[in-house]
Amino acid sequence: MSSCNFSIPFTGQAEDILRKADSAIKAQGGSFAANSSGGNFNVSVLGNSIRGSFTVTGNLLNVVIDAKPFLVPCSTIESFLKSRLV
């Protein structure tokens, strides 16, 4: 399992994007813990875990994926999150 790092720019308040992230992760049966400056998440996709953390710096959501299925590219995770959050 390899890691990924990417940033997602957003407009508006950090609380809004974190609320969207919380909904998206929990809709997939995952867990999401956050405060206004960062947090972590874990979600199962096709029986495999995607685990990561994030920080909020200004209007950037900085995401670090610590564990993911080998066959799921980082770009797919990044695209999925952007489509749900921005």
C-alpha atoms as a PDB file:
ATOM      1  CA  MET A   1       0.000   0.000   0.000  1.00  0.00           C
ATOM      2  CA  SER A   2       1.424   3.321  -1.046  1.00  0.00           C
ATOM      3  CA  SER A   3       0.644   6.864  -0.021  1.00  0.00           C
ATOM      4  CA  CYS A   4      -0.655   9.877  -1.931  1.00  0.00           C
ATOM      5  CA  ASN A   5      -0.495  13.604  -1.267  1.00  0.00           C
ATOM      6  CA  PHE A   6      -2.648  16.216  -2.947  1.00  0.00           C
ATOM      7  CA  SER A   7      -4.413  19.498  -2.236  1.00  0.00           C
ATOM      8  CA  ILE A   8      -7.970  20.473  -3.071  1.00  0.00           C
ATOM      9  CA  PRO A   9      -8.623  24.221  -3.345  1.00  0.00           C
ATOM     10  CA  PHE A  10     -12.041  25.385  -2.174  1.00  0.00           C
ATOM     11  CA  THR A  11     -14.027  28.560  -1.752  1.00  0.00           C
ATOM     12  CA  GLY A  12     -16.099  29.469   1.268  1.00  0.00           C
ATOM     13  CA  GLN A  13     -15.619  28.329   4.835  1.00  0.00           C
ATOM     14  CA  ALA A  14     -13.555  25.327   5.929  1.00  0.00           C
ATOM     15  CA  GLU A  15     -16.552  24.049   7.906  1.00  0.00           C
ATOM     16  CA  ASP A  16     -18.548  23.739   4.666  1.00  0.00           C
ATOM     17  CA  ILE A  17     -16.004  21.541   2.880  1.00  0.00           C
ATOM     18  CA  LEU A  18     -15.494  19.463   6.022  1.00  0.00           C
ATOM     19  CA  ARG A  19     -19.246  18.925   6.285  1.00  0.00           C
ATOM     20  CA  LYS A  20     -19.280  17.743   2.631  1.00  0.00           C
ATOM     21  CA  ALA A  21     -16.325  15.432   3.289  1.00  0.00           C
ATOM     22  CA  ASP A  22     -18.034  14.020   6.374  1.00  0.00           C
ATOM     23  CA  SER A  23     -21.187  13.281   4.355  1.00  0.00           C
ATOM     24  CA  ALA A  24     -19.286  11.734   1.430  1.00  0.00           C
ATOM     25  CA  ILE A  25     -17.181   9.439   3.633  1.00  0.00           C
ATOM     26  CA  LYS A  26     -20.067   8.373   5.865  1.00  0.00           C
ATOM     27  CA  ALA A  27     -22.289   7.744   2.819  1.00  0.00           C
ATOM     28  CA  GLN A  28     -19.725   5.094   1.831  1.00  0.00           C
ATOM     29  CA  GLY A  29     -19.874   3.560   5.322  1.00  0.00           C
ATOM     30  CA  GLY A  30     -16.640   5.137   6.503  1.00  0.00           C
ATOM     31  CA  SER A  31     -15.557   7.091   9.547  1.00  0.00           C
ATOM     32  CA  PHE A  32     -14.592  10.757   9.601  1.00  0.00           C
ATOM     33  CA  ALA A  33     -13.174  12.784  12.513  1.00  0.00           C
ATOM     34  CA  ALA A  34     -12.309  16.463  12.124  1.00  0.00           C
ATOM     35  CA  ASN A  35     -11.934  19.842  13.673  1.00  0.00           C
ATOM     36  CA  SER A  36     -11.449  23.172  11.879  1.00  0.00           C
ATOM     37  CA  SER A  37      -7.754  22.525  11.196  1.00  0.00           C
ATOM     38  CA  GLY A  38      -7.691  18.853  10.191  1.00  0.00           C
ATOM     39  CA  GLY A  39      -8.563  15.271  10.941  1.00  0.00           C
ATOM     40  CA  ASN A  40      -8.602  11.730   9.579  1.00  0.00           C
ATOM     41  CA  PHE A  41     -10.842   9.299   7.754  1.00  0.00           C
ATOM     42  CA  ASN A  42     -11.176   5.644   6.881  1.00  0.00           C
ATOM     43  CA  VAL A  43     -13.464   4.121   4.269  1.00  0.00           C
ATOM     44  CA  SER A  44     -13.799   0.675   2.731  1.00  0.00           C
ATOM     45  CA  VAL A  45     -13.938   0.416  -1.062  1.00  0.00           C
ATOM     46  CA  LEU A  46     -14.524  -3.008  -2.617  1.00  0.00           C
ATOM     47  CA  GLY A  47     -13.403  -4.652   0.605  1.00  0.00           C
ATOM     48  CA  ASN A  48     -10.188  -2.625   0.856  1.00  0.00           C
ATOM     49  CA  SER A  49      -9.452   0.235   3.208  1.00  0.00           C
ATOM     50  CA  ILE A  50      -8.580   3.769   2.173  1.00  0.00           C
ATOM     51  CA  ARG A  51      -7.167   5.577   5.187  1.00  0.00           C
ATOM     52  CA  GLY A  52      -5.863   9.097   5.375  1.00  0.00           C
ATOM     53  CA  SER A  53      -5.598  12.417   7.105  1.00  0.00           C
ATOM     54  CA  PHE A  54      -5.985  16.030   6.105  1.00  0.00           C
ATOM     55  CA  THR A  55      -5.229  19.564   7.184  1.00  0.00           C
ATOM     56  CA  VAL A  56      -6.895  22.812   6.252  1.00  0.00           C
ATOM     57  CA  THR A  57      -4.599  25.715   5.385  1.00  0.00           C
ATOM     58  CA  GLY A  58      -6.455  28.794   4.229  1.00  0.00           C
ATOM     59  CA  ASN A  59      -8.581  27.649   1.304  1.00  0.00           C
ATOM     60  CA  LEU A  60      -6.686  24.403   0.696  1.00  0.00           C
ATOM     61  CA  LEU A  61      -7.645  20.962   1.908  1.00  0.00           C
ATOM     62  CA  ASN A  62      -4.325  19.068   2.061  1.00  0.00           C
ATOM     63  CA  VAL A  63      -4.935  15.318   1.897  1.00  0.00           C
ATOM     64  CA  VAL A  64      -2.519  12.490   2.726  1.00  0.00           C
ATOM     65  CA  ILE A  65      -3.648   8.963   1.860  1.00  0.00           C
ATOM     66  CA  ASP A  66      -1.759   6.591   4.168  1.00  0.00           C
ATOM     67  CA  ALA A  67      -3.236   3.317   2.917  1.00  0.00           C
ATOM     68  CA  LYS A  68      -5.070   2.387  -0.266  1.00  0.00           C
ATOM     69  CA  PRO A  69      -5.567  -0.638  -2.496  1.00  0.00           C
ATOM     70  CA  PHE A  70      -2.616  -1.173  -4.828  1.00  0.00           C
ATOM     71  CA  LEU A  71      -4.833  -1.126  -7.921  1.00  0.00           C
ATOM     72  CA  VAL A  72      -6.507   2.202  -7.094  1.00  0.00           C
ATOM     73  CA  PRO A  73      -4.370   5.073  -8.394  1.00  0.00           C
ATOM     74  CA  CYS A  74      -3.961   8.246  -6.353  1.00  0.00           C
ATOM     75  CA  SER A  75      -5.469  10.224  -9.234  1.00  0.00           C
ATOM     76  CA  THR A  76      -8.722   8.250  -8.928  1.00  0.00           C
ATOM     77  CA  ILE A  77      -9.014   9.039  -5.220  1.00  0.00           C
ATOM     78  CA  GLU A  78      -8.204  12.698  -5.855  1.00  0.00           C
ATOM     79  CA  SER A  79     -10.777  12.952  -8.671  1.00  0.00           C
ATOM     80  CA  PHE A  80     -13.446  11.269  -6.569  1.00  0.00           C
ATOM     81  CA  LEU A  81     -12.889  13.618  -3.639  1.00  0.00           C
ATOM     82  CA  LYS A  82     -12.847  16.703  -5.844  1.00  0.00           C
ATOM     83  CA  SER A  83     -16.101  15.670  -7.509  1.00  0.00           C
ATOM     84  CA  ARG A  84     -17.790  15.327  -4.109  1.00  0.00           C
ATOM     85  CA  LEU A  85     -16.297  18.357  -2.369  1.00  0.00           C
ATOM     86  CA  VAL A  86     -15.839  21.201  -4.820  1.00  0.00           C
END
